[in-house]
Amino acid sequence: MFEQPTIGRLLDYLAEVLRRATTTPDLRLPELVLPIESDVEALRALESDADANGPIGRVRRDAVVAGELSGLHTLFEQQVARTPDAIALIQDGRELTYAELDRRSNAVAWQLADLGVKPGQLVAVRVARGTEMVVAVLAVLKSGAAYLPLDPGVPESRWAFMVQDAAAVALVGDDAALADRLNLRLVPVAGGDGDTRAKQAPPVRAAADDVAYCIYTSGSSGNPKGVVVPHRGPVNLVRHYLRTRRSLRTLQWTSFGFDVHVQEMFTTLASGAALVLIGEDDRYDPDAVVAALRDHGVQRLFMAFSPLTALLATMRRLPELPELREIVAGGEAMVLTHKVRDFLDAHPECRLFNEYGPTEASIVTTIHAVDPAEDRPSIGRPIDGVAVRLLDAALRPVPVGAVGEIHLGGAAVAQGYIGRPEETERAFVADPGHPGARLYRSRDLGRWRADGTLEYLGRADDQVKIRGHRVEPGETEHVLADQPGVVDAVVVACSDPGGDTCLIGYVVLEDSDPAVLARLMLDLGKELPIYLVPADLIPIEELPLDDNGRLDRSRLPEPEWLKP
């Protein structure tokens, strides 16, 4: 049941607790079980201490190159200088070199510069998946501004909230009517091709603490909240990849509204490899995804674990992908299925990586190379420049092997939530062991294993992961309860028959007409991303309450399709 080191540690703690209790009898229980001296040293090694990062400020304005963190686009520009004629993008048989991609993005960046955009301002990006999306992202960064991705899988009403909430100053895209509806100045992504200035980017210096992008995540109040991420964190991740991983041709599969698209794009374009692009519809077609992987000799695939297992499960026979060298999964707990193991057995040169990190900590903070024989792979060790601390509710360190909340520090820590100072203060806290440093409270639980890797143990709150997206059921609940004809509503997470997480909505209705449920599902689909729309709506007469008047979730009826 226990490994020998764990047994020894438990005995050491027992002896130390007895010593503390007898020598200092007024100590409280949490103080009695603080880490012993040997664990303090072990934790220091496990946590991978990084340089302290205090409040974000423009303190490194000239930190651009050579050993210092710079801008994401700077990493791309450095690669352009090294390999201008190498292929950067591949889409539908068309190729674009690094130099051509640089010129196209420079041309759009000059249009933004002519508008007067400045560091710290946000520019919305809404273009079809493909070459134009990469051009637009690079252009905004080259202009000195930060980009706000408008995911095509999200309703326009949500885009309208985001651009207003983030105070976006322009829209890079190809839809003038959309720009008018969002009340933004349109900067055409295909414009500026004849601009003679496009040989060079606008003369904007990129600093590590300048904002790179803003990603909106689910919020319990009913509205999403924007996470403001400076260049420092994602650049640190890309540099880690450049030091530890090979340059590999990569498929750009991830949703534009999911921050892993940053990792896909810049780990590739900073290394001299090619990024293979597929359309929005093709992302959901297993045959199209496999064809893109095979036909273009893709070597690296980033994909959340649920769609990865679904992709393999839908194939009648395992795809043959001899060029594939890495599958990078994350976004949710990893449980290896027979299909995944069979694929890895058939592709011995392909490695599976389990990566962990919330948007508030710049995409990825820990990485683990998975052994296919593992039942429940860990989330690995902290990457360079990142600190991981397991703390209790009072922000005290927990012993090795004990469960604590994962707190993330170092270069990865985001600036905070845009326009939400109170939520930022609650989520981004002072590091008690390192004055001046900040930690992000992930609300994820974990423990250090005996082998020195971090085990993920689920959420400390009601947030769940659905298709790789971190979701607050309360956001769906808020929107559902606000619909006409709904008296009351609650939304809970559960596992469907396939083992995937989904949302179930329980509604108290004014009208018992079954057609109301169908209308509600349609209306929710217009207001929420697909991953926030419940898999089922169940009408009930009233919400079950306990003796204290609080919702008794245990008495909510189980969906018929979940009953054995």
Protein backbone atom coordinates (compact mmCIF):
# COMPACT_ATOMS: atom_id res chain seq x y z
CA MET A 1 0.00 0.00 0.00
CA PHE A 2 2.83 2.42 0.88
CA GLU A 3 6.33 2.68 -0.53
CA GLN A 4 9.27 2.46 1.89
CA PRO A 5 10.14 6.22 1.68
CA THR A 6 6.52 7.09 2.48
CA ILE A 7 6.47 4.80 5.52
CA GLY A 8 9.69 6.34 6.77
CA ARG A 9 8.33 9.86 6.28
CA LEU A 10 5.12 9.03 8.19
CA LEU A 11 7.14 7.71 11.13
CA ASP A 12 9.33 10.83 11.09
CA TYR A 13 6.22 13.01 11.19
CA LEU A 14 4.72 11.00 14.03
CA ALA A 15 7.86 11.49 16.09
CA GLU A 16 8.03 15.22 15.26
CA VAL A 17 4.34 15.81 16.05
CA LEU A 18 4.79 14.14 19.46
CA ARG A 19 7.90 16.24 20.12
CA ARG A 20 6.17 19.49 19.15
CA ALA A 21 3.06 18.66 21.20
CA THR A 22 5.06 17.93 24.34
CA THR A 23 7.55 20.79 24.07
CA THR A 24 5.08 23.44 22.87
CA PRO A 25 1.63 22.34 24.08
CA ASP A 26 -0.13 25.56 22.96
CA LEU A 27 0.49 24.85 19.26
CA ARG A 28 -2.61 24.43 17.12
CA LEU A 29 -3.11 21.29 15.03
CA PRO A 30 -2.09 22.87 11.68
CA GLU A 31 1.16 24.04 13.28
CA LEU A 32 1.85 20.58 14.69
CA VAL A 33 1.88 19.03 11.21
CA LEU A 34 3.93 21.66 9.37
CA PRO A 35 6.67 20.10 7.20
CA ILE A 36 9.62 18.68 9.10
CA GLU A 37 13.14 19.89 8.33
CA SER A 38 13.92 17.12 5.84
CA ASP A 39 10.69 17.87 3.96
CA VAL A 40 11.48 21.58 3.84
CA GLU A 41 14.61 20.75 1.86
CA ALA A 42 12.73 18.25 -0.31
CA LEU A 43 9.98 20.76 -1.06
CA ARG A 44 12.51 23.41 -2.02
CA ALA A 45 13.88 21.03 -4.67
CA LEU A 46 10.45 19.89 -5.87
CA GLU A 47 8.98 23.38 -6.16
CA SER A 48 11.66 24.55 -8.59
CA ASP A 49 12.06 28.04 -7.20
CA ALA A 50 12.06 30.79 -9.80
CA ASP A 51 12.90 34.47 -9.75
CA ALA A 52 10.34 36.50 -7.83
CA ASN A 53 7.73 38.30 -9.89
CA GLY A 54 5.98 41.14 -8.15
CA PRO A 55 3.29 43.42 -9.57
CA ILE A 56 3.42 43.78 -13.31
CA GLY A 57 5.13 46.95 -14.45
CA ARG A 58 7.15 48.25 -17.38
CA VAL A 59 10.39 47.72 -15.48
CA ARG A 60 12.22 45.91 -18.28
CA ARG A 61 11.37 48.14 -21.22
CA ASP A 62 14.64 47.35 -23.01
CA ALA A 63 14.73 43.63 -22.22
CA VAL A 64 14.38 42.43 -25.76
CA VAL A 65 16.94 39.78 -26.64
CA ALA A 66 19.86 37.62 -25.56
CA GLY A 67 19.02 35.72 -22.43
CA GLU A 68 16.22 38.03 -21.29
CA LEU A 69 12.55 37.39 -21.82
CA SER A 70 11.26 39.26 -24.86
CA GLY A 71 8.07 39.35 -26.91
CA LEU A 72 6.50 36.31 -28.55
CA HIS A 73 6.84 37.96 -31.93
CA THR A 74 10.50 38.69 -31.21
CA LEU A 75 11.16 34.95 -31.05
CA PHE A 76 9.52 34.60 -34.46
CA GLU A 77 11.50 37.51 -35.91
CA GLN A 78 14.75 36.00 -34.69
CA GLN A 79 13.84 32.79 -36.52
CA VAL A 80 13.01 34.76 -39.68
CA ALA A 81 16.55 36.14 -39.60
CA ARG A 82 17.96 32.63 -39.31
CA THR A 83 15.80 30.80 -41.89
CA PRO A 84 13.93 33.32 -44.09
CA ASP A 85 13.31 30.82 -46.90
CA ALA A 86 12.10 27.94 -44.71
CA ILE A 87 8.41 27.01 -44.88
CA ALA A 88 6.47 28.58 -42.02
CA LEU A 89 2.81 27.80 -42.90
CA ILE A 90 1.10 25.04 -44.89
CA GLN A 91 -2.59 25.13 -45.77
CA ASP A 92 -4.46 23.22 -48.49
CA GLY A 93 -1.30 22.70 -50.51
CA ARG A 94 -0.23 26.35 -50.25
CA GLU A 95 2.99 27.27 -48.49
CA LEU A 96 4.27 30.50 -46.99
CA THR A 97 7.91 31.08 -46.05
CA TYR A 98 9.10 32.74 -42.88
CA ALA A 99 10.09 35.86 -44.82
CA GLU A 100 6.70 36.07 -46.57
CA LEU A 101 4.83 35.61 -43.29
CA ASP A 102 6.99 38.31 -41.73
CA ARG A 103 6.24 40.79 -44.54
CA ARG A 104 2.50 40.13 -44.49
CA SER A 105 2.26 40.58 -40.72
CA ASN A 106 4.45 43.70 -40.88
CA ALA A 107 2.06 45.25 -43.41
CA VAL A 108 -0.93 44.79 -41.09
CA ALA A 109 1.13 45.91 -38.08
CA TRP A 110 1.85 49.22 -39.85
CA GLN A 111 -1.89 49.77 -40.34
CA LEU A 112 -2.37 49.30 -36.60
CA ALA A 113 0.54 51.62 -35.86
CA ASP A 114 -1.05 54.24 -38.12
CA LEU A 115 -4.17 54.00 -35.95
CA GLY A 116 -2.02 54.81 -32.92
CA VAL A 117 -2.40 51.55 -30.99
CA LYS A 118 -0.14 51.36 -27.96
CA PRO A 119 1.29 48.73 -25.59
CA GLY A 120 -1.35 47.65 -23.11
CA GLN A 121 -4.24 48.20 -25.53
CA LEU A 122 -6.21 45.26 -26.85
CA VAL A 123 -7.02 44.58 -30.50
CA ALA A 124 -9.69 41.99 -31.30
CA VAL A 125 -8.89 39.34 -33.91
CA ARG A 126 -11.65 37.57 -35.85
CA VAL A 127 -10.62 35.80 -39.04
CA ALA A 128 -11.14 32.32 -40.43
CA ARG A 129 -8.75 29.65 -39.22
CA GLY A 130 -5.67 29.51 -41.40
CA THR A 131 -2.91 31.75 -42.67
CA GLU A 132 -4.82 34.98 -41.96
CA MET A 133 -5.22 34.05 -38.29
CA VAL A 134 -1.45 33.67 -37.84
CA VAL A 135 -0.81 36.90 -39.78
CA ALA A 136 -3.30 38.77 -37.60
CA VAL A 137 -1.82 37.54 -34.31
CA LEU A 138 1.72 38.43 -35.34
CA ALA A 139 0.59 41.81 -36.66
CA VAL A 140 -1.06 42.84 -33.40
CA LEU A 141 1.99 41.83 -31.38
CA LYS A 142 4.36 43.61 -33.78
CA SER A 143 2.30 46.79 -33.37
CA GLY A 144 2.98 46.71 -29.64
CA ALA A 145 -0.63 45.93 -28.69
CA ALA A 146 -2.11 42.73 -27.27
CA TYR A 147 -4.65 40.57 -29.07
CA LEU A 148 -8.11 39.46 -28.00
CA PRO A 149 -9.07 36.24 -29.85
CA LEU A 150 -12.71 35.98 -30.93
CA ASP A 151 -13.30 32.26 -31.26
CA PRO A 152 -15.63 31.30 -34.15
CA GLY A 153 -17.26 28.73 -31.86
CA VAL A 154 -18.55 31.49 -29.57
CA PRO A 155 -21.81 33.43 -30.16
CA GLU A 156 -21.53 37.03 -31.34
CA SER A 157 -23.25 38.25 -28.16
CA ARG A 158 -20.26 36.94 -26.20
CA TRP A 159 -17.84 38.69 -28.59
CA ALA A 160 -19.74 41.93 -27.99
CA PHE A 161 -19.35 41.54 -24.23
CA MET A 162 -15.65 40.71 -24.55
CA VAL A 163 -14.69 43.65 -26.76
CA GLN A 164 -16.57 46.07 -24.51
CA ASP A 165 -15.25 44.55 -21.30
CA ALA A 166 -11.67 44.57 -22.62
CA ALA A 167 -12.02 48.05 -24.16
CA ALA A 168 -10.71 46.76 -27.50
CA VAL A 169 -9.62 49.57 -29.81
CA ALA A 170 -9.80 47.85 -33.22
CA LEU A 171 -10.68 44.63 -35.02
CA VAL A 172 -8.24 42.82 -37.31
CA GLY A 173 -10.38 40.76 -39.62
CA ASP A 174 -12.25 40.49 -42.89
CA ASP A 175 -15.85 41.33 -41.91
CA ALA A 176 -16.73 45.04 -42.08
CA ALA A 177 -20.31 44.39 -40.98
CA LEU A 178 -19.11 42.61 -37.85
CA ALA A 179 -16.76 45.49 -37.06
CA ASP A 180 -19.69 47.91 -37.35
CA ARG A 181 -21.84 45.79 -35.03
CA LEU A 182 -19.02 45.62 -32.49
CA ASN A 183 -18.38 49.36 -32.91
CA LEU A 184 -14.72 48.77 -33.77
CA ARG A 185 -12.45 50.16 -36.46
CA LEU A 186 -11.69 47.40 -39.00
CA VAL A 187 -8.09 46.71 -40.00
CA PRO A 188 -8.27 44.34 -43.00
CA VAL A 189 -6.04 41.32 -42.52
CA ALA A 190 -5.41 41.27 -46.28
CA GLY A 191 -4.68 44.99 -46.45
CA GLY A 192 -1.40 46.76 -46.78
CA ASP A 193 0.13 44.29 -49.24
CA GLY A 194 1.66 47.14 -51.24
CA ASP A 195 3.02 48.99 -48.21
CA THR A 196 6.73 49.58 -48.83
CA ARG A 197 7.27 49.74 -45.06
CA ALA A 198 6.46 46.03 -44.75
CA LYS A 199 10.13 45.06 -45.07
CA GLN A 200 10.44 46.04 -41.41
CA ALA A 201 8.08 45.91 -38.44
CA PRO A 202 7.02 49.17 -36.75
CA PRO A 203 9.77 50.42 -34.41
CA VAL A 204 8.12 49.17 -31.22
CA ARG A 205 10.25 47.67 -28.46
CA ALA A 206 8.77 44.59 -26.80
CA ALA A 207 9.13 44.26 -23.03
CA ALA A 208 8.57 41.09 -21.07
CA ASP A 209 5.85 42.69 -18.95
CA ASP A 210 3.88 44.15 -21.85
CA VAL A 211 0.54 42.37 -22.34
CA ALA A 212 0.56 39.77 -25.12
CA TYR A 213 -3.05 38.57 -25.16
CA CYS A 214 -6.28 38.36 -23.20
CA ILE A 215 -8.14 35.03 -22.98
CA TYR A 216 -11.68 34.92 -21.61
CA THR A 217 -12.54 32.05 -19.28
CA SER A 218 -15.77 31.00 -17.64
CA GLY A 219 -17.02 33.13 -14.73
CA SER A 220 -19.42 32.17 -11.95
CA SER A 221 -21.25 35.52 -12.15
CA GLY A 222 -22.72 34.68 -15.55
CA ASN A 223 -20.16 36.61 -17.59
CA PRO A 224 -16.73 35.42 -18.69
CA LYS A 225 -13.63 37.09 -17.28
CA GLY A 226 -10.59 38.16 -19.25
CA VAL A 227 -7.18 36.91 -18.15
CA VAL A 228 -4.46 39.43 -19.05
CA VAL A 229 -1.25 37.59 -19.92
CA PRO A 230 2.07 39.42 -20.44
CA HIS A 231 4.72 38.15 -22.87
CA ARG A 232 6.90 36.96 -20.00
CA GLY A 233 4.99 33.74 -19.26
CA PRO A 234 4.38 32.28 -22.74
CA VAL A 235 7.88 33.35 -23.85
CA ASN A 236 9.30 31.44 -20.88
CA LEU A 237 7.34 28.37 -22.03
CA VAL A 238 8.53 28.68 -25.63
CA ARG A 239 12.13 29.08 -24.50
CA HIS A 240 11.74 25.96 -22.36
CA TYR A 241 10.56 24.06 -25.44
CA LEU A 242 13.48 25.38 -27.48
CA ARG A 243 15.90 24.12 -24.82
CA THR A 244 14.33 20.73 -24.17
CA ARG A 245 12.37 19.64 -27.25
CA ARG A 246 13.04 19.15 -30.93
CA SER A 247 11.90 21.43 -33.76
CA LEU A 248 8.85 19.60 -35.12
CA ARG A 249 6.24 20.21 -37.82
CA THR A 250 3.02 20.88 -35.91
CA LEU A 251 -0.72 20.77 -36.64
CA GLN A 252 -2.62 23.90 -35.57
CA TRP A 253 -5.69 22.10 -34.21
CA THR A 254 -6.61 23.94 -31.02
CA SER A 255 -9.50 26.39 -30.79
CA PHE A 256 -8.51 30.05 -31.15
CA GLY A 257 -10.21 30.83 -27.84
CA PHE A 258 -8.12 28.22 -25.98
CA ASP A 259 -4.68 29.44 -24.96
CA VAL A 260 -2.91 26.31 -26.23
CA HIS A 261 -3.11 27.91 -29.70
CA VAL A 262 -0.33 30.24 -28.48
CA GLN A 263 1.81 27.23 -27.61
CA GLU A 264 1.11 25.53 -30.95
CA MET A 265 1.93 28.63 -32.91
CA PHE A 266 5.05 29.94 -31.22
CA THR A 267 6.82 26.72 -30.23
CA THR A 268 6.70 26.00 -33.96
CA LEU A 269 7.48 29.40 -35.46
CA ALA A 270 10.28 30.10 -32.97
CA SER A 271 12.01 26.84 -33.89
CA GLY A 272 12.06 27.00 -37.70
CA ALA A 273 9.46 24.27 -38.23
CA ALA A 274 6.25 24.49 -40.29
CA LEU A 275 2.76 24.99 -38.87
CA VAL A 276 0.10 22.97 -40.71
CA LEU A 277 -3.30 24.72 -40.76
CA ILE A 278 -6.75 23.16 -41.08
CA GLY A 279 -10.21 24.73 -41.35
CA GLU A 280 -12.76 25.04 -38.57
CA ASP A 281 -15.01 22.29 -39.95
CA ASP A 282 -12.08 19.91 -40.46
CA ARG A 283 -11.20 20.13 -36.76
CA TYR A 284 -14.29 18.06 -35.95
CA ASP A 285 -13.83 15.51 -38.73
CA PRO A 286 -11.62 12.62 -37.55
CA ASP A 287 -10.84 11.56 -41.11
CA ALA A 288 -9.81 15.11 -42.06
CA VAL A 289 -7.57 15.43 -38.99
CA VAL A 290 -5.86 12.10 -39.70
CA ALA A 291 -5.47 13.04 -43.37
CA ALA A 292 -3.80 16.32 -42.44
CA LEU A 293 -1.46 14.54 -40.04
CA ARG A 294 -0.53 11.91 -42.61
CA ASP A 295 -0.42 13.94 -45.83
CA HIS A 296 1.71 16.75 -44.38
CA GLY A 297 4.01 14.56 -42.30
CA VAL A 298 2.97 16.24 -39.04
CA GLN A 299 5.37 15.45 -36.21
CA ARG A 300 3.68 17.10 -33.21
CA LEU A 301 0.01 17.23 -32.22
CA PHE A 302 -1.42 19.32 -29.38
CA MET A 303 -4.84 18.07 -28.29
CA ALA A 304 -6.78 17.97 -25.02
CA PHE A 305 -7.13 14.42 -23.76
CA SER A 306 -10.90 14.00 -24.27
CA PRO A 307 -10.86 14.85 -27.99
CA LEU A 308 -7.69 12.77 -28.37
CA THR A 309 -9.38 9.67 -26.95
CA ALA A 310 -12.53 10.45 -28.94
CA LEU A 311 -10.48 10.75 -32.14
CA LEU A 312 -8.94 7.32 -31.64
CA ALA A 313 -12.21 5.78 -30.45
CA THR A 314 -14.06 6.78 -33.63
CA MET A 315 -11.50 5.16 -35.93
CA ARG A 316 -12.36 1.62 -37.04
CA ARG A 317 -8.67 0.93 -37.29
CA LEU A 318 -5.78 2.76 -35.72
CA PRO A 319 -4.36 5.42 -38.04
CA GLU A 320 -0.84 4.90 -39.33
CA LEU A 321 1.14 8.07 -38.71
CA PRO A 322 4.82 7.14 -39.07
CA GLU A 323 6.06 10.76 -38.89
CA LEU A 324 4.31 11.62 -35.62
CA ARG A 325 6.83 12.05 -32.80
CA GLU A 326 4.90 13.84 -30.03
CA ILE A 327 1.34 14.01 -28.80
CA VAL A 328 0.94 16.80 -26.26
CA ALA A 329 -2.21 16.45 -24.17
CA GLY A 330 -3.48 18.55 -21.29
CA GLY A 331 -6.42 20.56 -20.08
CA GLU A 332 -7.88 17.74 -17.98
CA ALA A 333 -7.02 14.60 -16.01
CA MET A 334 -5.38 11.89 -18.10
CA VAL A 335 -6.55 8.29 -17.84
CA LEU A 336 -4.97 6.10 -20.51
CA THR A 337 -7.45 4.07 -22.55
CA HIS A 338 -6.78 0.86 -24.46
CA LYS A 339 -6.99 2.79 -27.74
CA VAL A 340 -4.34 5.28 -26.62
CA ARG A 341 -2.05 2.49 -25.43
CA ASP A 342 -2.58 0.55 -28.66
CA PHE A 343 -1.70 3.63 -30.72
CA LEU A 344 1.49 4.25 -28.74
CA ASP A 345 2.45 0.58 -29.02
CA ALA A 346 2.00 0.80 -32.80
CA HIS A 347 4.06 4.03 -32.92
CA PRO A 348 7.07 3.37 -30.67
CA GLU A 349 8.83 6.55 -31.84
CA CYS A 350 5.91 8.73 -30.73
CA ARG A 351 5.90 10.05 -27.15
CA LEU A 352 2.89 11.20 -25.16
CA PHE A 353 3.29 14.25 -22.91
CA ASN A 354 0.88 15.23 -20.13
CA GLU A 355 1.02 18.99 -19.56
CA TYR A 356 -0.70 21.07 -16.90
CA GLY A 357 -1.33 24.76 -16.50
CA PRO A 358 -4.24 27.20 -16.26
CA THR A 359 -4.66 30.29 -18.45
CA GLU A 360 -3.72 32.42 -15.43
CA ALA A 361 -0.28 30.76 -15.43
CA SER A 362 0.57 31.08 -19.13
CA ILE A 363 -0.65 27.81 -20.63
CA VAL A 364 1.76 25.22 -19.19
CA THR A 365 3.56 25.01 -15.85
CA THR A 366 4.41 21.31 -15.51
CA ILE A 367 5.27 18.60 -18.06
CA HIS A 368 5.42 14.81 -17.81
CA ALA A 369 6.65 12.34 -20.44
CA VAL A 370 4.14 9.51 -20.08
CA ASP A 371 5.03 5.85 -19.82
CA PRO A 372 2.20 3.96 -21.59
CA ALA A 373 2.25 1.42 -18.75
CA GLU A 374 1.12 4.08 -16.24
CA ASP A 375 -2.46 3.89 -15.04
CA ARG A 376 -2.81 7.53 -13.97
CA PRO A 377 0.07 9.61 -15.29
CA SER A 378 1.27 12.48 -13.14
CA ILE A 379 1.44 16.06 -14.42
CA GLY A 380 5.20 16.00 -14.01
CA ARG A 381 7.71 18.59 -12.86
CA PRO A 382 7.73 22.40 -13.13
CA ILE A 383 9.23 23.85 -16.27
CA ASP A 384 12.17 26.25 -16.07
CA GLY A 385 11.26 29.61 -14.55
CA VAL A 386 8.10 28.34 -12.81
CA ALA A 387 7.51 27.56 -9.14
CA VAL A 388 4.83 25.14 -7.93
CA ARG A 389 3.80 25.23 -4.28
CA LEU A 390 1.24 23.03 -2.52
CA LEU A 391 -0.36 25.05 0.28
CA ASP A 392 -3.23 24.65 2.72
CA ALA A 393 -6.11 27.12 3.15
CA ALA A 394 -3.90 29.37 5.30
CA LEU A 395 -1.16 29.38 2.62
CA ARG A 396 1.10 27.10 4.66
CA PRO A 397 3.15 24.43 2.86
CA VAL A 398 1.89 20.87 3.18
CA PRO A 399 4.22 17.89 3.67
CA VAL A 400 5.50 15.80 0.79
CA GLY A 401 2.74 13.33 -0.12
CA ALA A 402 -0.03 15.39 1.51
CA VAL A 403 -2.84 16.98 -0.50
CA GLY A 404 -2.65 20.72 -1.00
CA GLU A 405 -3.93 23.39 -3.36
CA ILE A 406 -1.63 24.00 -6.31
CA HIS A 407 -0.20 27.54 -6.29
CA LEU A 408 1.87 28.68 -9.26
CA GLY A 409 4.60 31.29 -9.28
CA GLY A 410 7.56 32.60 -11.23
CA ALA A 411 7.51 33.83 -14.80
CA ALA A 412 4.19 32.18 -15.60
CA VAL A 413 1.93 34.32 -13.39
CA ALA A 414 -0.54 36.44 -15.39
CA GLN A 415 -1.34 40.06 -14.65
CA GLY A 416 -4.85 39.33 -13.43
CA TYR A 417 -8.49 39.68 -14.53
CA ILE A 418 -9.29 42.72 -16.63
CA GLY A 419 -11.54 45.15 -14.77
CA ARG A 420 -11.96 42.81 -11.78
CA PRO A 421 -9.63 43.97 -9.00
CA GLU A 422 -11.38 42.05 -6.23
CA GLU A 423 -11.30 38.74 -8.12
CA THR A 424 -7.67 39.39 -9.04
CA GLU A 425 -6.79 39.98 -5.40
CA ARG A 426 -8.46 36.72 -4.36
CA ALA A 427 -6.81 34.63 -7.07
CA PHE A 428 -3.34 36.20 -7.18
CA VAL A 429 -1.85 36.19 -3.72
CA ALA A 430 1.46 37.08 -2.11
CA ASP A 431 3.94 34.22 -1.88
CA PRO A 432 4.36 33.74 1.90
CA GLY A 433 7.81 32.26 1.50
CA HIS A 434 9.16 34.82 -0.97
CA PRO A 435 8.46 38.50 -0.17
CA GLY A 436 7.52 40.49 -3.26
CA ALA A 437 6.56 37.43 -5.29
CA ARG A 438 3.03 36.51 -6.40
CA LEU A 439 1.28 33.15 -6.67
CA TYR A 440 -1.81 32.14 -8.62
CA ARG A 441 -4.27 30.04 -6.60
CA SER A 442 -5.34 27.43 -9.13
CA ARG A 443 -8.10 25.83 -7.01
CA ASP A 444 -6.65 22.53 -8.24
CA LEU A 445 -5.58 19.92 -5.70
CA GLY A 446 -2.40 17.91 -5.94
CA ARG A 447 0.31 16.07 -4.05
CA TRP A 448 3.98 15.35 -4.57
CA ARG A 449 4.59 11.69 -5.35
CA ALA A 450 7.55 9.74 -4.01
CA ASP A 451 9.17 9.92 -7.48
CA GLY A 452 9.22 13.72 -7.32
CA THR A 453 6.38 14.33 -9.78
CA LEU A 454 3.12 16.16 -9.14
CA GLU A 455 -0.17 14.25 -9.06
CA TYR A 456 -3.36 16.09 -10.05
CA LEU A 457 -6.30 15.27 -7.75
CA GLY A 458 -9.17 17.37 -9.11
CA ARG A 459 -10.78 20.68 -8.25
CA ALA A 460 -11.18 22.39 -4.88
CA ASP A 461 -14.29 24.22 -6.12
CA ASP A 462 -17.12 23.69 -8.59
CA GLN A 463 -15.08 24.29 -11.73
CA VAL A 464 -14.75 21.36 -14.10
CA LYS A 465 -12.91 20.63 -17.34
CA ILE A 466 -15.04 19.97 -20.44
CA ARG A 467 -13.27 19.24 -23.73
CA GLY A 468 -10.18 20.87 -22.31
CA HIS A 469 -12.00 24.09 -21.33
CA ARG A 470 -12.18 25.10 -17.68
CA VAL A 471 -15.85 25.67 -16.98
CA GLU A 472 -17.88 27.24 -14.19
CA PRO A 473 -21.30 25.52 -14.16
CA GLY A 474 -22.53 28.72 -12.52
CA GLU A 475 -22.08 30.62 -15.79
CA THR A 476 -24.47 28.30 -17.60
CA GLU A 477 -26.76 28.33 -14.58
CA HIS A 478 -26.90 32.14 -14.63
CA VAL A 479 -27.79 32.27 -18.34
CA LEU A 480 -30.31 29.43 -18.04
CA ALA A 481 -32.10 31.01 -15.09
CA ASP A 482 -32.37 34.26 -17.05
CA GLN A 483 -34.31 32.67 -19.92
CA PRO A 484 -38.02 33.50 -20.40
CA GLY A 485 -40.27 30.89 -18.83
CA VAL A 486 -37.65 29.66 -16.34
CA VAL A 487 -38.57 30.06 -12.68
CA ASP A 488 -35.40 28.60 -11.24
CA ALA A 489 -32.44 26.56 -12.44
CA VAL A 490 -29.32 24.75 -11.33
CA VAL A 491 -26.54 23.26 -13.44
CA VAL A 492 -24.29 20.44 -12.27
CA ALA A 493 -21.46 18.47 -13.82
CA CYS A 494 -21.54 14.71 -14.24
CA SER A 495 -19.93 11.96 -16.29
CA ASP A 496 -21.70 10.66 -19.38
CA PRO A 497 -21.72 6.92 -20.29
CA GLY A 498 -18.41 7.39 -22.12
CA GLY A 499 -16.74 8.80 -19.01
CA ASP A 500 -16.53 12.37 -20.34
CA THR A 501 -17.60 15.34 -18.22
CA CYS A 502 -20.79 17.14 -19.26
CA LEU A 503 -23.29 19.58 -17.79
CA ILE A 504 -26.88 18.77 -16.78
CA GLY A 505 -29.41 21.55 -16.30
CA TYR A 506 -32.38 21.25 -13.92
CA VAL A 507 -35.14 23.78 -14.54
CA VAL A 508 -38.33 24.83 -12.78
CA LEU A 509 -40.61 26.05 -15.58
CA GLU A 510 -43.66 28.27 -15.72
CA ASP A 511 -45.11 26.06 -18.48
CA SER A 512 -44.92 22.24 -18.59
CA ASP A 513 -45.04 22.20 -22.41
CA PRO A 514 -42.16 19.90 -23.58
CA ALA A 515 -41.50 22.30 -26.47
CA VAL A 516 -40.17 24.80 -23.93
CA LEU A 517 -37.15 22.57 -23.28
CA ALA A 518 -36.28 22.42 -26.98
CA ARG A 519 -36.54 26.22 -27.23
CA LEU A 520 -34.31 26.63 -24.19
CA MET A 521 -31.62 24.40 -25.71
CA LEU A 522 -31.69 26.45 -28.92
CA ASP A 523 -31.50 29.74 -27.02
CA LEU A 524 -28.60 28.52 -24.88
CA GLY A 525 -26.73 27.55 -28.03
CA LYS A 526 -27.05 31.12 -29.26
CA GLU A 527 -25.63 32.63 -26.08
CA LEU A 528 -23.02 30.12 -24.90
CA PRO A 529 -20.06 28.23 -26.38
CA ILE A 530 -20.93 24.62 -27.17
CA TYR A 531 -18.94 23.30 -24.18
CA LEU A 532 -21.14 25.39 -21.82
CA VAL A 533 -24.45 24.11 -23.26
CA PRO A 534 -25.94 21.34 -21.08
CA ALA A 535 -26.11 17.83 -22.51
CA ASP A 536 -29.65 17.60 -21.12
CA LEU A 537 -32.33 19.76 -19.48
CA ILE A 538 -34.48 18.06 -16.87
CA PRO A 539 -37.72 19.73 -15.72
CA ILE A 540 -38.47 19.51 -11.98
CA GLU A 541 -41.26 20.99 -9.86
CA GLU A 542 -38.91 22.67 -7.38
CA LEU A 543 -35.27 22.67 -6.40
CA PRO A 544 -34.60 20.25 -3.50
CA LEU A 545 -33.37 22.03 -0.37
CA ASP A 546 -31.79 20.71 2.82
CA ASP A 547 -32.78 21.62 6.37
CA ASN A 548 -30.70 24.80 6.19
CA GLY A 549 -32.45 25.98 3.05
CA ARG A 550 -29.48 25.22 0.81
CA LEU A 551 -29.65 23.29 -2.42
CA ASP A 552 -29.42 19.54 -1.81
CA ARG A 553 -27.68 18.33 -4.96
CA SER A 554 -27.88 14.70 -3.86
CA ARG A 555 -31.67 14.79 -4.36
CA LEU A 556 -31.55 16.02 -7.96
CA PRO A 557 -32.95 13.27 -10.21
CA GLU A 558 -30.50 11.33 -12.35
CA PRO A 559 -31.02 11.62 -16.12
CA GLU A 560 -32.78 8.58 -17.58
CA TRP A 561 -29.93 7.96 -20.01
CA LEU A 562 -27.49 7.63 -17.10
CA LYS A 563 -29.51 4.99 -15.26
CA PRO A 564 -28.25 1.40 -15.60
